[in-house]
mmCIF file of all heavy atoms, coordinates in Angstrom:
data_MODEL
# 
_entry.id   MODEL 
# 
loop_
_atom_site.group_PDB 
_atom_site.id 
_atom_site.type_symbol 
_atom_site.label_atom_id 
_atom_site.label_alt_id 
_atom_site.label_comp_id 
_atom_site.label_asym_id 
_atom_site.label_entity_id 
_atom_site.label_seq_id 
_atom_site.pdbx_PDB_ins_code 
_atom_site.Cartn_x 
_atom_site.Cartn_y 
_atom_site.Cartn_z 
_atom_site.occupancy 
_atom_site.B_iso_or_equiv 
_atom_site.pdbx_formal_charge 
_atom_site.auth_seq_id 
_atom_site.auth_comp_id 
_atom_site.auth_asym_id 
_atom_site.auth_atom_id 
_atom_site.pdbx_PDB_model_num 
ATOM 1   N N   . ARG A 1 1  ? 0.860   -1.186  0.000   1.00 0.00 ? 1  ARG A N   1 
ATOM 2   C CA  . ARG A 1 1  ? 0.000   0.000   0.000   1.00 0.00 ? 1  ARG A CA  1 
ATOM 3   C C   . ARG A 1 1  ? 0.892   1.231   0.000   1.00 0.00 ? 1  ARG A C   1 
ATOM 4   O O   . ARG A 1 1  ? 1.715   1.402   0.904   1.00 0.00 ? 1  ARG A O   1 
ATOM 5   C CB  . ARG A 1 1  ? -0.912  0.003   1.218   1.00 0.00 ? 1  ARG A CB  1 
ATOM 6   C CG  . ARG A 1 1  ? -1.827  1.223   1.288   1.00 0.00 ? 1  ARG A CG  1 
ATOM 7   C CD  . ARG A 1 1  ? -2.697  1.183   2.518   1.00 0.00 ? 1  ARG A CD  1 
ATOM 8   N NE  . ARG A 1 1  ? -3.537  2.387   2.620   1.00 0.00 ? 1  ARG A NE  1 
ATOM 9   C CZ  . ARG A 1 1  ? -4.328  2.650   3.655   1.00 0.00 ? 1  ARG A CZ  1 
ATOM 10  N NH1 . ARG A 1 1  ? -4.393  1.798   4.679   1.00 0.00 ? 1  ARG A NH1 1 
ATOM 11  N NH2 . ARG A 1 1  ? -5.048  3.756   3.673   1.00 0.00 ? 1  ARG A NH2 1 
ATOM 12  N N   . ARG A 1 2  ? 0.739   2.049   -1.006  1.00 0.00 ? 2  ARG A N   1 
ATOM 13  C CA  . ARG A 1 2  ? 1.586   3.238   -1.108  1.00 0.00 ? 2  ARG A CA  1 
ATOM 14  C C   . ARG A 1 2  ? 1.179   4.253   -0.057  1.00 0.00 ? 2  ARG A C   1 
ATOM 15  O O   . ARG A 1 2  ? -0.002  4.432   0.253   1.00 0.00 ? 2  ARG A O   1 
ATOM 16  C CB  . ARG A 1 2  ? 1.473   3.871   -2.494  1.00 0.00 ? 2  ARG A CB  1 
ATOM 17  C CG  . ARG A 1 2  ? 2.733   4.677   -2.844  1.00 0.00 ? 2  ARG A CG  1 
ATOM 18  C CD  . ARG A 1 2  ? 2.694   5.295   -4.197  1.00 0.00 ? 2  ARG A CD  1 
ATOM 19  N NE  . ARG A 1 2  ? 4.020   5.578   -4.709  1.00 0.00 ? 2  ARG A NE  1 
ATOM 20  C CZ  . ARG A 1 2  ? 4.841   6.493   -4.205  1.00 0.00 ? 2  ARG A CZ  1 
ATOM 21  N NH1 . ARG A 1 2  ? 4.482   7.211   -3.165  1.00 0.00 ? 2  ARG A NH1 1 
ATOM 22  N NH2 . ARG A 1 2  ? 6.034   6.677   -4.747  1.00 0.00 ? 2  ARG A NH2 1 
ATOM 23  N N   . ALA A 1 3  ? 2.178   4.920   0.524   1.00 0.00 ? 3  ALA A N   1 
ATOM 24  C CA  . ALA A 1 3  ? 1.928   5.931   1.553   1.00 0.00 ? 3  ALA A CA  1 
ATOM 25  C C   . ALA A 1 3  ? 0.983   6.999   1.020   1.00 0.00 ? 3  ALA A C   1 
ATOM 26  O O   . ALA A 1 3  ? 1.189   7.541   -0.069  1.00 0.00 ? 3  ALA A O   1 
ATOM 27  C CB  . ALA A 1 3  ? 3.240   6.566   2.002   1.00 0.00 ? 3  ALA A CB  1 
ATOM 28  N N   . GLY A 1 4  ? -0.086  7.295   1.788   1.00 0.00 ? 4  GLY A N   1 
ATOM 29  C CA  . GLY A 1 4  ? -1.038  8.323   1.396   1.00 0.00 ? 4  GLY A CA  1 
ATOM 30  C C   . GLY A 1 4  ? -2.154  7.843   0.498   1.00 0.00 ? 4  GLY A C   1 
ATOM 31  O O   . GLY A 1 4  ? -3.050  8.616   0.158   1.00 0.00 ? 4  GLY A O   1 
ATOM 32  N N   . TRP A 1 5  ? -2.138  6.569   0.103   1.00 0.00 ? 5  TRP A N   1 
ATOM 33  C CA  . TRP A 1 5  ? -3.171  6.039   -0.787  1.00 0.00 ? 5  TRP A CA  1 
ATOM 34  C C   . TRP A 1 5  ? -4.201  5.259   0.032   1.00 0.00 ? 5  TRP A C   1 
ATOM 35  O O   . TRP A 1 5  ? -3.881  4.694   1.085   1.00 0.00 ? 5  TRP A O   1 
ATOM 36  C CB  . TRP A 1 5  ? -2.565  5.120   -1.846  1.00 0.00 ? 5  TRP A CB  1 
ATOM 37  C CG  . TRP A 1 5  ? -1.788  5.855   -2.908  1.00 0.00 ? 5  TRP A CG  1 
ATOM 38  C CD1 . TRP A 1 5  ? -0.921  6.886   -2.721  1.00 0.00 ? 5  TRP A CD1 1 
ATOM 39  C CD2 . TRP A 1 5  ? -1.793  5.601   -4.307  1.00 0.00 ? 5  TRP A CD2 1 
ATOM 40  N NE1 . TRP A 1 5  ? -0.380  7.299   -3.912  1.00 0.00 ? 5  TRP A NE1 1 
ATOM 41  C CE2 . TRP A 1 5  ? -0.905  6.523   -4.912  1.00 0.00 ? 5  TRP A CE2 1 
ATOM 42  C CE3 . TRP A 1 5  ? -2.459  4.693   -5.117  1.00 0.00 ? 5  TRP A CE3 1 
ATOM 43  C CZ2 . TRP A 1 5  ? -0.679  6.554   -6.279  1.00 0.00 ? 5  TRP A CZ2 1 
ATOM 44  C CZ3 . TRP A 1 5  ? -2.221  4.715   -6.487  1.00 0.00 ? 5  TRP A CZ3 1 
ATOM 45  C CH2 . TRP A 1 5  ? -1.349  5.645   -7.055  1.00 0.00 ? 5  TRP A CH2 1 
ATOM 46  N N   . ASP A 1 6  ? -5.425  5.168   -0.485  1.00 0.00 ? 6  ASP A N   1 
ATOM 47  C CA  . ASP A 1 6  ? -6.464  4.404   0.187   1.00 0.00 ? 6  ASP A CA  1 
ATOM 48  C C   . ASP A 1 6  ? -6.781  3.125   -0.580  1.00 0.00 ? 6  ASP A C   1 
ATOM 49  O O   . ASP A 1 6  ? -7.895  2.593   -0.524  1.00 0.00 ? 6  ASP A O   1 
ATOM 50  C CB  . ASP A 1 6  ? -7.737  5.238   0.371   1.00 0.00 ? 6  ASP A CB  1 
ATOM 51  C CG  . ASP A 1 6  ? -8.310  5.705   -0.960  1.00 0.00 ? 6  ASP A CG  1 
ATOM 52  O OD1 . ASP A 1 6  ? -7.694  5.397   -2.004  1.00 0.00 ? 6  ASP A OD1 1 
ATOM 53  O OD2 . ASP A 1 6  ? -9.366  6.363   -0.948  1.00 0.00 ? 6  ASP A OD2 1 
ATOM 54  N N   . SER A 1 7  ? -5.790  2.618   -1.316  1.00 0.00 ? 7  SER A N   1 
ATOM 55  C CA  . SER A 1 7  ? -5.937  1.351   -2.031  1.00 0.00 ? 7  SER A CA  1 
ATOM 56  C C   . SER A 1 7  ? -4.664  0.541   -1.862  1.00 0.00 ? 7  SER A C   1 
ATOM 57  O O   . SER A 1 7  ? -3.592  1.076   -1.570  1.00 0.00 ? 7  SER A O   1 
ATOM 58  C CB  . SER A 1 7  ? -6.213  1.588   -3.518  1.00 0.00 ? 7  SER A CB  1 
ATOM 59  O OG  . SER A 1 7  ? -5.138  2.285   -4.122  1.00 0.00 ? 7  SER A OG  1 
ATOM 60  N N   . ALA A 1 8  ? -4.803  -0.777  -2.027  1.00 0.00 ? 8  ALA A N   1 
ATOM 61  C CA  . ALA A 1 8  ? -3.669  -1.686  -1.894  1.00 0.00 ? 8  ALA A CA  1 
ATOM 62  C C   . ALA A 1 8  ? -3.755  -2.746  -2.978  1.00 0.00 ? 8  ALA A C   1 
ATOM 63  O O   . ALA A 1 8  ? -4.810  -2.931  -3.607  1.00 0.00 ? 8  ALA A O   1 
ATOM 64  C CB  . ALA A 1 8  ? -3.646  -2.329  -0.505  1.00 0.00 ? 8  ALA A CB  1 
ATOM 65  N N   . ALA A 1 9  ? -2.667  -3.469  -3.197  1.00 0.00 ? 9  ALA A N   1 
ATOM 66  C CA  . ALA A 1 9  ? -2.629  -4.481  -4.252  1.00 0.00 ? 9  ALA A CA  1 
ATOM 67  C C   . ALA A 1 9  ? -1.804  -5.675  -3.804  1.00 0.00 ? 9  ALA A C   1 
ATOM 68  O O   . ALA A 1 9  ? -0.913  -5.563  -2.942  1.00 0.00 ? 9  ALA A O   1 
ATOM 69  C CB  . ALA A 1 9  ? -2.065  -3.897  -5.545  1.00 0.00 ? 9  ALA A CB  1 
ATOM 70  N N   . LEU A 1 10 ? -2.124  -6.829  -4.396  1.00 0.00 ? 10 LEU A N   1 
ATOM 71  C CA  . LEU A 1 10 ? -1.414  -8.075  -4.107  1.00 0.00 ? 10 LEU A CA  1 
ATOM 72  C C   . LEU A 1 10 ? -0.794  -8.603  -5.389  1.00 0.00 ? 10 LEU A C   1 
ATOM 73  O O   . LEU A 1 10 ? -1.488  -8.793  -6.400  1.00 0.00 ? 10 LEU A O   1 
ATOM 74  C CB  . LEU A 1 10 ? -2.381  -9.110  -3.529  1.00 0.00 ? 10 LEU A CB  1 
ATOM 75  C CG  . LEU A 1 10 ? -1.857  -10.556 -3.441  1.00 0.00 ? 10 LEU A CG  1 
ATOM 76  C CD1 . LEU A 1 10 ? -0.701  -10.641 -2.443  1.00 0.00 ? 10 LEU A CD1 1 
ATOM 77  C CD2 . LEU A 1 10 ? -2.990  -11.510 -3.045  1.00 0.00 ? 10 LEU A CD2 1 
ATOM 78  N N   . TRP A 1 11 ? 0.511   -8.844  -5.343  1.00 0.00 ? 11 TRP A N   1 
ATOM 79  C CA  . TRP A 1 11 ? 1.257   -9.471  -6.439  1.00 0.00 ? 11 TRP A CA  1 
ATOM 80  C C   . TRP A 1 11 ? 1.607   -10.880 -5.975  1.00 0.00 ? 11 TRP A C   1 
ATOM 81  O O   . TRP A 1 11 ? 2.068   -11.064 -4.844  1.00 0.00 ? 11 TRP A O   1 
ATOM 82  C CB  . TRP A 1 11 ? 2.516   -8.664  -6.719  1.00 0.00 ? 11 TRP A CB  1 
ATOM 83  C CG  . TRP A 1 11 ? 3.435   -9.162  -7.803  1.00 0.00 ? 11 TRP A CG  1 
ATOM 84  C CD1 . TRP A 1 11 ? 3.501   -8.720  -9.083  1.00 0.00 ? 11 TRP A CD1 1 
ATOM 85  C CD2 . TRP A 1 11 ? 4.448   -10.181 -7.697  1.00 0.00 ? 11 TRP A CD2 1 
ATOM 86  N NE1 . TRP A 1 11 ? 4.484   -9.378  -9.789  1.00 0.00 ? 11 TRP A NE1 1 
ATOM 87  C CE2 . TRP A 1 11 ? 5.082   -10.294 -8.950  1.00 0.00 ? 11 TRP A CE2 1 
ATOM 88  C CE3 . TRP A 1 11 ? 4.871   -11.018 -6.656  1.00 0.00 ? 11 TRP A CE3 1 
ATOM 89  C CZ2 . TRP A 1 11 ? 6.105   -11.194 -9.199  1.00 0.00 ? 11 TRP A CZ2 1 
ATOM 90  C CZ3 . TRP A 1 11 ? 5.891   -11.929 -6.900  1.00 0.00 ? 11 TRP A CZ3 1 
ATOM 91  C CH2 . TRP A 1 11 ? 6.499   -12.003 -8.163  1.00 0.00 ? 11 TRP A CH2 1 
ATOM 92  N N   . SER A 1 12 ? 1.425   -11.880 -6.820  1.00 0.00 ? 12 SER A N   1 
ATOM 93  C CA  . SER A 1 12 ? 1.710   -13.255 -6.401  1.00 0.00 ? 12 SER A CA  1 
ATOM 94  C C   . SER A 1 12 ? 2.262   -14.057 -7.570  1.00 0.00 ? 12 SER A C   1 
ATOM 95  O O   . SER A 1 12 ? 1.830   -13.886 -8.718  1.00 0.00 ? 12 SER A O   1 
ATOM 96  C CB  . SER A 1 12 ? 0.432   -13.926 -5.878  1.00 0.00 ? 12 SER A CB  1 
ATOM 97  O OG  . SER A 1 12 ? 0.702   -15.239 -5.417  1.00 0.00 ? 12 SER A OG  1 
ATOM 98  N N   . SER A 1 13 ? 3.237   -14.915 -7.269  1.00 0.00 ? 13 SER A N   1 
ATOM 99  C CA  . SER A 1 13 ? 3.814   -15.750 -8.325  1.00 0.00 ? 13 SER A CA  1 
ATOM 100 C C   . SER A 1 13 ? 4.457   -16.998 -7.724  1.00 0.00 ? 13 SER A C   1 
ATOM 101 O O   . SER A 1 13 ? 4.947   -16.990 -6.589  1.00 0.00 ? 13 SER A O   1 
ATOM 102 C CB  . SER A 1 13 ? 4.868   -14.977 -9.121  1.00 0.00 ? 13 SER A CB  1 
ATOM 103 O OG  . SER A 1 13 ? 5.472   -15.799 -10.110 1.00 0.00 ? 13 SER A OG  1 
ATOM 104 N N   . ASP A 1 14 ? 4.427   -18.087 -8.512  1.00 0.00 ? 14 ASP A N   1 
ATOM 105 C CA  . ASP A 1 14 ? 5.158   -19.299 -8.131  1.00 0.00 ? 14 ASP A CA  1 
ATOM 106 C C   . ASP A 1 14 ? 6.502   -19.367 -8.842  1.00 0.00 ? 14 ASP A C   1 
ATOM 107 O O   . ASP A 1 14 ? 7.227   -20.351 -8.726  1.00 0.00 ? 14 ASP A O   1 
ATOM 108 C CB  . ASP A 1 14 ? 4.332   -20.552 -8.438  1.00 0.00 ? 14 ASP A CB  1 
ATOM 109 C CG  . ASP A 1 14 ? 3.932   -20.649 -9.912  1.00 0.00 ? 14 ASP A CG  1 
ATOM 110 O OD1 . ASP A 1 14 ? 4.423   -19.834 -10.721 1.00 0.00 ? 14 ASP A OD1 1 
ATOM 111 O OD2 . ASP A 1 14 ? 3.131   -21.537 -10.256 1.00 0.00 ? 14 ASP A OD2 1 
ATOM 112 N N   . GLY A 1 15 ? 6.830   -18.314 -9.594  1.00 0.00 ? 15 GLY A N   1 
ATOM 113 C CA  . GLY A 1 15 ? 8.126   -18.255 -10.250 1.00 0.00 ? 15 GLY A CA  1 
ATOM 114 C C   . GLY A 1 15 ? 8.241   -19.119 -11.476 1.00 0.00 ? 15 GLY A C   1 
ATOM 115 O O   . GLY A 1 15 ? 9.345   -19.373 -11.968 1.00 0.00 ? 15 GLY A O   1 
ATOM 116 N N   . LEU A 1 16 ? 7.103   -19.561 -12.026 1.00 0.00 ? 16 LEU A N   1 
ATOM 117 C CA  . LEU A 1 16 ? 7.147   -20.479 -13.166 1.00 0.00 ? 16 LEU A CA  1 
ATOM 118 C C   . LEU A 1 16 ? 6.769   -19.811 -14.485 1.00 0.00 ? 16 LEU A C   1 
ATOM 119 O O   . LEU A 1 16 ? 6.404   -20.486 -15.431 1.00 0.00 ? 16 LEU A O   1 
ATOM 120 C CB  . LEU A 1 16 ? 6.226   -21.675 -12.900 1.00 0.00 ? 16 LEU A CB  1 
ATOM 121 C CG  . LEU A 1 16 ? 6.611   -22.533 -11.689 1.00 0.00 ? 16 LEU A CG  1 
ATOM 122 C CD1 . LEU A 1 16 ? 5.627   -23.679 -11.509 1.00 0.00 ? 16 LEU A CD1 1 
ATOM 123 C CD2 . LEU A 1 16 ? 8.036   -23.076 -11.843 1.00 0.00 ? 16 LEU A CD2 1 
ATOM 124 N N   . GLY A 1 17 ? 6.824   -18.480 -14.534 1.00 0.00 ? 17 GLY A N   1 
ATOM 125 C CA  . GLY A 1 17 ? 6.607   -17.804 -15.807 1.00 0.00 ? 17 GLY A CA  1 
ATOM 126 C C   . GLY A 1 17 ? 5.503   -16.771 -15.797 1.00 0.00 ? 17 GLY A C   1 
ATOM 127 O O   . GLY A 1 17 ? 5.447   -15.919 -16.684 1.00 0.00 ? 17 GLY A O   1 
ATOM 128 N N   . THR A 1 18 ? 4.565   -16.837 -14.843 1.00 0.00 ? 18 THR A N   1 
ATOM 129 C CA  . THR A 1 18 ? 3.492   -15.864 -14.784 1.00 0.00 ? 18 THR A CA  1 
ATOM 130 C C   . THR A 1 18 ? 3.328   -15.353 -13.363 1.00 0.00 ? 18 THR A C   1 
ATOM 131 O O   . THR A 1 18 ? 3.841   -15.936 -12.405 1.00 0.00 ? 18 THR A O   1 
ATOM 132 C CB  . THR A 1 18 ? 2.147   -16.468 -15.247 1.00 0.00 ? 18 THR A CB  1 
ATOM 133 O OG1 . THR A 1 18 ? 1.798   -17.538 -14.353 1.00 0.00 ? 18 THR A OG1 1 
ATOM 134 C CG2 . THR A 1 18 ? 2.251   -16.987 -16.675 1.00 0.00 ? 18 THR A CG2 1 
ATOM 135 N N   . TYR A 1 19 ? 2.610   -14.248 -13.244 1.00 0.00 ? 19 TYR A N   1 
ATOM 136 C CA  . TYR A 1 19 ? 2.251   -13.716 -11.928 1.00 0.00 ? 19 TYR A CA  1 
ATOM 137 C C   . TYR A 1 19 ? 0.850   -13.152 -12.001 1.00 0.00 ? 19 TYR A C   1 
ATOM 138 O O   . TYR A 1 19 ? 0.336   -12.846 -13.093 1.00 0.00 ? 19 TYR A O   1 
ATOM 139 C CB  . TYR A 1 19 ? 3.248   -12.641 -11.480 1.00 0.00 ? 19 TYR A CB  1 
ATOM 140 C CG  . TYR A 1 19 ? 3.293   -11.411 -12.354 1.00 0.00 ? 19 TYR A CG  1 
ATOM 141 C CD1 . TYR A 1 19 ? 2.518   -10.289 -12.056 1.00 0.00 ? 19 TYR A CD1 1 
ATOM 142 C CD2 . TYR A 1 19 ? 4.124   -11.349 -13.472 1.00 0.00 ? 19 TYR A CD2 1 
ATOM 143 C CE1 . TYR A 1 19 ? 2.567   -9.147  -12.851 1.00 0.00 ? 19 TYR A CE1 1 
ATOM 144 C CE2 . TYR A 1 19 ? 4.183   -10.214 -14.272 1.00 0.00 ? 19 TYR A CE2 1 
ATOM 145 C CZ  . TYR A 1 19 ? 3.402   -9.126  -13.956 1.00 0.00 ? 19 TYR A CZ  1 
ATOM 146 O OH  . TYR A 1 19 ? 3.441   -7.995  -14.734 1.00 0.00 ? 19 TYR A OH  1 
ATOM 147 N N   . THR A 1 20 ? 0.214   -13.038 -10.861 1.00 0.00 ? 20 THR A N   1 
ATOM 148 C CA  . THR A 1 20 ? -1.105  -12.408 -10.795 1.00 0.00 ? 20 THR A CA  1 
ATOM 149 C C   . THR A 1 20 ? -0.988  -11.132 -9.992  1.00 0.00 ? 20 THR A C   1 
ATOM 150 O O   . THR A 1 20 ? -0.118  -10.998 -9.123  1.00 0.00 ? 20 THR A O   1 
ATOM 151 C CB  . THR A 1 20 ? -2.145  -13.333 -10.132 1.00 0.00 ? 20 THR A CB  1 
ATOM 152 O OG1 . THR A 1 20 ? -1.743  -13.594 -8.778  1.00 0.00 ? 20 THR A OG1 1 
ATOM 153 C CG2 . THR A 1 20 ? -2.270  -14.641 -10.894 1.00 0.00 ? 20 THR A CG2 1 
ATOM 154 N N   . ILE A 1 21 ? -1.884  -10.209 -10.282 1.00 0.00 ? 21 ILE A N   1 
ATOM 155 C CA  . ILE A 1 21 ? -1.910  -8.959  -9.539  1.00 0.00 ? 21 ILE A CA  1 
ATOM 156 C C   . ILE A 1 21 ? -3.364  -8.506  -9.433  1.00 0.00 ? 21 ILE A C   1 
ATOM 157 O O   . ILE A 1 21 ? -4.132  -8.621  -10.397 1.00 0.00 ? 21 ILE A O   1 
ATOM 158 C CB  . ILE A 1 21 ? -1.018  -7.892  -10.215 1.00 0.00 ? 21 ILE A CB  1 
ATOM 159 C CG1 . ILE A 1 21 ? -0.823  -6.694  -9.306  1.00 0.00 ? 21 ILE A CG1 1 
ATOM 160 C CG2 . ILE A 1 21 ? -1.540  -7.503  -11.570 1.00 0.00 ? 21 ILE A CG2 1 
ATOM 161 C CD1 . ILE A 1 21 ? 0.328   -5.792  -9.722  1.00 0.00 ? 21 ILE A CD1 1 
ATOM 162 N N   . GLN A 1 22 ? -3.752  -8.045  -8.254  1.00 0.00 ? 22 GLN A N   1 
ATOM 163 C CA  . GLN A 1 22 ? -5.142  -7.671  -8.040  1.00 0.00 ? 22 GLN A CA  1 
ATOM 164 C C   . GLN A 1 22 ? -5.245  -6.694  -6.868  1.00 0.00 ? 22 GLN A C   1 
ATOM 165 O O   . GLN A 1 22 ? -4.363  -6.669  -5.991  1.00 0.00 ? 22 GLN A O   1 
ATOM 166 C CB  . GLN A 1 22 ? -5.983  -8.909  -7.733  1.00 0.00 ? 22 GLN A CB  1 
ATOM 167 C CG  . GLN A 1 22 ? -5.618  -9.564  -6.412  1.00 0.00 ? 22 GLN A CG  1 
ATOM 168 C CD  . GLN A 1 22 ? -6.366  -10.842 -6.159  1.00 0.00 ? 22 GLN A CD  1 
ATOM 169 O OE1 . GLN A 1 22 ? -5.822  -11.922 -6.410  1.00 0.00 ? 22 GLN A OE1 1 
ATOM 170 N NE2 . GLN A 1 22 ? -7.586  -10.739 -5.674  1.00 0.00 ? 22 GLN A NE2 1 
ATOM 171 N N   . PRO A 1 23 ? -6.284  -5.885  -6.835  1.00 0.00 ? 23 PRO A N   1 
ATOM 172 C CA  . PRO A 1 23 ? -6.514  -5.028  -5.673  1.00 0.00 ? 23 PRO A CA  1 
ATOM 173 C C   . PRO A 1 23 ? -6.906  -5.893  -4.470  1.00 0.00 ? 23 PRO A C   1 
ATOM 174 O O   . PRO A 1 23 ? -7.462  -6.987  -4.633  1.00 0.00 ? 23 PRO A O   1 
ATOM 175 C CB  . PRO A 1 23 ? -7.682  -4.140  -6.109  1.00 0.00 ? 23 PRO A CB  1 
ATOM 176 C CG  . PRO A 1 23 ? -7.781  -4.303  -7.588  1.00 0.00 ? 23 PRO A CG  1 
ATOM 177 C CD  . PRO A 1 23 ? -7.278  -5.668  -7.897  1.00 0.00 ? 23 PRO A CD  1 
ATOM 178 N N   . VAL A 1 24 ? -6.599  -5.433  -3.269  1.00 0.00 ? 24 VAL A N   1 
ATOM 179 C CA  . VAL A 1 24 ? -7.009  -6.128  -2.049  1.00 0.00 ? 24 VAL A CA  1 
ATOM 180 C C   . VAL A 1 24 ? -7.593  -5.118  -1.077  1.00 0.00 ? 24 VAL A C   1 
ATOM 181 O O   . VAL A 1 24 ? -7.327  -3.908  -1.161  1.00 0.00 ? 24 VAL A O   1 
ATOM 182 C CB  . VAL A 1 24 ? -5.835  -6.876  -1.375  1.00 0.00 ? 24 VAL A CB  1 
ATOM 183 C CG1 . VAL A 1 24 ? -5.339  -8.005  -2.242  1.00 0.00 ? 24 VAL A CG1 1 
ATOM 184 C CG2 . VAL A 1 24 ? -4.696  -5.918  -1.038  1.00 0.00 ? 24 VAL A CG2 1 
ATOM 185 N N   . ASP A 1 25 ? -8.376  -5.628  -0.159  1.00 0.00 ? 25 ASP A N   1 
ATOM 186 C CA  . ASP A 1 25 ? -8.943  -4.784  0.892   1.00 0.00 ? 25 ASP A CA  1 
ATOM 187 C C   . ASP A 1 25 ? -7.799  -4.204  1.715   1.00 0.00 ? 25 ASP A C   1 
ATOM 188 O O   . ASP A 1 25 ? -6.876  -4.923  2.100   1.00 0.00 ? 25 ASP A O   1 
ATOM 189 C CB  . ASP A 1 25 ? -9.852  -5.639  1.778   1.00 0.00 ? 25 ASP A CB  1 
ATOM 190 C CG  . ASP A 1 25 ? -10.746 -4.792  2.661   1.00 0.00 ? 25 ASP A CG  1 
ATOM 191 O OD1 . ASP A 1 25 ? -10.215 -3.846  3.288   1.00 0.00 ? 25 ASP A OD1 1 
ATOM 192 O OD2 . ASP A 1 25 ? -11.951 -5.081  2.718   1.00 0.00 ? 25 ASP A OD2 1 
ATOM 193 N N   . ILE A 1 26 ? -7.853  -2.914  1.981   1.00 0.00 ? 26 ILE A N   1 
ATOM 194 C CA  . ILE A 1 26 ? -6.747  -2.305  2.736   1.00 0.00 ? 26 ILE A CA  1 
ATOM 195 C C   . ILE A 1 26 ? -6.671  -2.846  4.156   1.00 0.00 ? 26 ILE A C   1 
ATOM 196 O O   . ILE A 1 26 ? -5.638  -2.727  4.818   1.00 0.00 ? 26 ILE A O   1 
ATOM 197 C CB  . ILE A 1 26 ? -6.845  -0.766  2.750   1.00 0.00 ? 26 ILE A CB  1 
ATOM 198 C CG1 . ILE A 1 26 ? -8.151  -0.306  3.382   1.00 0.00 ? 26 ILE A CG1 1 
ATOM 199 C CG2 . ILE A 1 26 ? -6.675  -0.204  1.358   1.00 0.00 ? 26 ILE A CG2 1 
ATOM 200 C CD1 . ILE A 1 26 ? -8.215  1.209   3.563   1.00 0.00 ? 26 ILE A CD1 1 
ATOM 201 N N   . ALA A 1 27 ? -7.744  -3.485  4.617   1.00 0.00 ? 27 ALA A N   1 
ATOM 202 C CA  . ALA A 1 27 ? -7.697  -4.114  5.934   1.00 0.00 ? 27 ALA A CA  1 
ATOM 203 C C   . ALA A 1 27 ? -6.757  -5.311  5.938   1.00 0.00 ? 27 ALA A C   1 
ATOM 204 O O   . ALA A 1 27 ? -6.264  -5.731  6.992   1.00 0.00 ? 27 ALA A O   1 
ATOM 205 C CB  . ALA A 1 27 ? -9.100  -4.545  6.356   1.00 0.00 ? 27 ALA A CB  1 
ATOM 206 N N   . ASP A 1 28 ? -6.518  -5.885  4.762   1.00 0.00 ? 28 ASP A N   1 
ATOM 207 C CA  . ASP A 1 28 ? -5.624  -7.043  4.647   1.00 0.00 ? 28 ASP A CA  1 
ATOM 208 C C   . ASP A 1 28 ? -4.216  -6.643  4.209   1.00 0.00 ? 28 ASP A C   1 
ATOM 209 O O   . ASP A 1 28 ? -3.385  -7.515  3.912   1.00 0.00 ? 28 ASP A O   1 
ATOM 210 C CB  . ASP A 1 28 ? -6.196  -8.030  3.624   1.00 0.00 ? 28 ASP A CB  1 
ATOM 211 C CG  . ASP A 1 28 ? -7.547  -8.572  4.042   1.00 0.00 ? 28 ASP A CG  1 
ATOM 212 O OD1 . ASP A 1 28 ? -7.738  -8.775  5.262   1.00 0.00 ? 28 ASP A OD1 1 
ATOM 213 O OD2 . ASP A 1 28 ? -8.407  -8.767  3.162   1.00 0.00 ? 28 ASP A OD2 1 
ATOM 214 N N   . ALA A 1 29 ? -3.966  -5.353  4.148   1.00 0.00 ? 29 ALA A N   1 
ATOM 215 C CA  . ALA A 1 29 ? -2.666  -4.848  3.698   1.00 0.00 ? 29 ALA A CA  1 
ATOM 216 C C   . ALA A 1 29 ? -1.992  -4.091  4.841   1.00 0.00 ? 29 ALA A C   1 
ATOM 217 O O   . ALA A 1 29 ? -2.637  -3.733  5.835   1.00 0.00 ? 29 ALA A O   1 
ATOM 218 C CB  . ALA A 1 29 ? -2.859  -3.924  2.496   1.00 0.00 ? 29 ALA A CB  1 
# 
């Protein structure tokens, strides 16, 4: 979550060639 922002994001990967990225609830960030 960037300082001063009211949104957060999750980046995830198993390192096998792709990754996912999505917004997440700021309560979980």
